[in-house]
Amino acid sequence: MRATDIMTRDPQFVTPDDSVSRAAQLMRDADVGMIPVVDGASNRWLPGVITDRDIATVTSVSSTRRIVACRTTCLRATRRSDPRPRSIR
């Protein structure tokens, strides 16, 4: 079995200018825990993703924040003793 056999084709997505509320609504409607953030509907370059965990961390601040403020970034592996992972930019 390959990834193409089980992947979601043509998934819902948001752009960096969409609100966190929109991302949450699309994720709820599609019953998913992650949504891609694309750089536009036409080219669909993938600068990041939003997870349900990302949304949970910002909802107490403001539901009108823009997605660019809470995109998931790649994480570098750290030692178990490190207090938190460091992001790669």
Protein backbone atom coordinates (compact mmCIF):
# COMPACT_ATOMS: atom_id res chain seq x y z
CA MET A 1 0.00 0.00 0.00
CA ARG A 2 1.23 3.50 -0.85
CA ALA A 3 0.36 6.96 0.47
CA THR A 4 -1.57 7.69 -2.71
CA ASP A 5 -3.93 4.82 -1.85
CA ILE A 6 -5.14 6.42 1.38
CA MET A 7 -4.54 10.15 0.97
CA THR A 8 -7.34 12.70 0.84
CA ARG A 9 -7.60 14.05 -2.67
CA ASP A 10 -8.35 17.74 -3.18
CA PRO A 11 -8.47 18.59 0.56
CA GLN A 12 -9.99 21.72 2.01
CA PHE A 13 -7.39 24.44 2.60
CA VAL A 14 -6.95 27.97 3.89
CA THR A 15 -4.65 30.82 2.89
CA PRO A 16 -2.48 32.92 5.21
CA ASP A 17 -5.09 35.71 5.07
CA ASP A 18 -7.97 33.51 6.29
CA SER A 19 -8.99 33.72 9.94
CA VAL A 20 -8.34 31.02 12.49
CA SER A 21 -12.13 30.76 12.84
CA ARG A 22 -12.43 29.78 9.18
CA ALA A 23 -9.74 27.14 9.56
CA ALA A 24 -11.50 25.72 12.62
CA GLN A 25 -14.86 25.66 10.83
CA LEU A 26 -13.43 23.85 7.79
CA MET A 27 -11.68 21.34 10.03
CA ARG A 28 -14.88 20.72 11.99
CA ASP A 29 -16.98 20.32 8.83
CA ALA A 30 -14.47 17.90 7.28
CA ASP A 31 -13.88 16.10 10.62
CA VAL A 32 -10.10 16.45 10.34
CA GLY A 33 -7.36 17.49 12.76
CA MET A 34 -5.17 19.31 10.22
CA ILE A 35 -5.70 21.68 7.32
CA PRO A 36 -3.11 22.84 4.77
CA VAL A 37 -2.23 26.53 4.53
CA VAL A 38 -1.56 27.29 0.86
CA ASP A 39 -0.14 30.42 -0.70
CA GLY A 40 -3.14 30.85 -2.98
CA ALA A 41 -5.94 28.82 -4.50
CA SER A 42 -4.26 28.67 -7.90
CA ASN A 43 -0.68 27.56 -7.20
CA ARG A 44 -1.26 25.80 -3.85
CA TRP A 45 2.32 26.15 -2.62
CA LEU A 46 2.34 24.74 0.93
CA PRO A 47 4.09 27.05 3.41
CA GLY A 48 2.58 25.22 6.40
CA VAL A 49 -0.34 23.50 8.08
CA ILE A 50 -2.72 24.27 10.94
CA THR A 51 -3.56 21.57 13.47
CA ASP A 52 -6.35 21.39 16.01
CA ARG A 53 -3.63 21.82 18.63
CA ASP A 54 -2.47 25.08 17.01
CA ILE A 55 -6.02 26.40 17.16
CA ALA A 56 -6.42 25.38 20.79
CA THR A 57 -3.34 27.43 21.72
CA VAL A 58 -4.60 30.65 20.13
CA THR A 59 -8.34 30.57 20.80
CA SER A 60 -7.93 32.03 24.26
CA VAL A 61 -6.18 35.05 22.74
CA SER A 62 -8.43 35.93 19.79
CA SER A 63 -10.47 34.07 17.19
CA THR A 64 -9.82 36.81 14.63
CA ARG A 65 -6.06 36.29 14.43
CA ARG A 66 -4.75 35.59 10.99
CA ILE A 67 -3.40 32.17 10.14
CA VAL A 68 0.09 33.48 9.44
CA ALA A 69 0.43 33.93 13.22
CA CYS A 70 -0.15 30.27 14.10
CA ARG A 71 1.09 28.17 11.19
CA THR A 72 2.77 24.95 12.21
CA THR A 73 6.47 25.03 11.42
CA CYS A 74 8.88 22.15 10.99
CA LEU A 75 10.36 21.01 14.27
CA ARG A 76 13.93 19.92 14.82
CA ALA A 77 14.52 16.92 17.07
CA THR A 78 15.82 17.91 20.48
CA ARG A 79 17.22 16.08 23.45
CA ARG A 80 14.66 14.73 25.88
CA SER A 81 16.00 17.14 28.53
CA ASP A 82 15.20 20.21 26.39
CA PRO A 83 12.10 22.05 27.67
CA ARG A 84 10.49 22.35 24.21
CA PRO A 85 11.28 21.69 20.55
CA ARG A 86 12.90 24.42 18.50
CA SER A 87 11.34 25.44 15.21
CA ILE A 88 13.21 25.47 11.92
CA ARG A 89 12.64 28.59 9.83
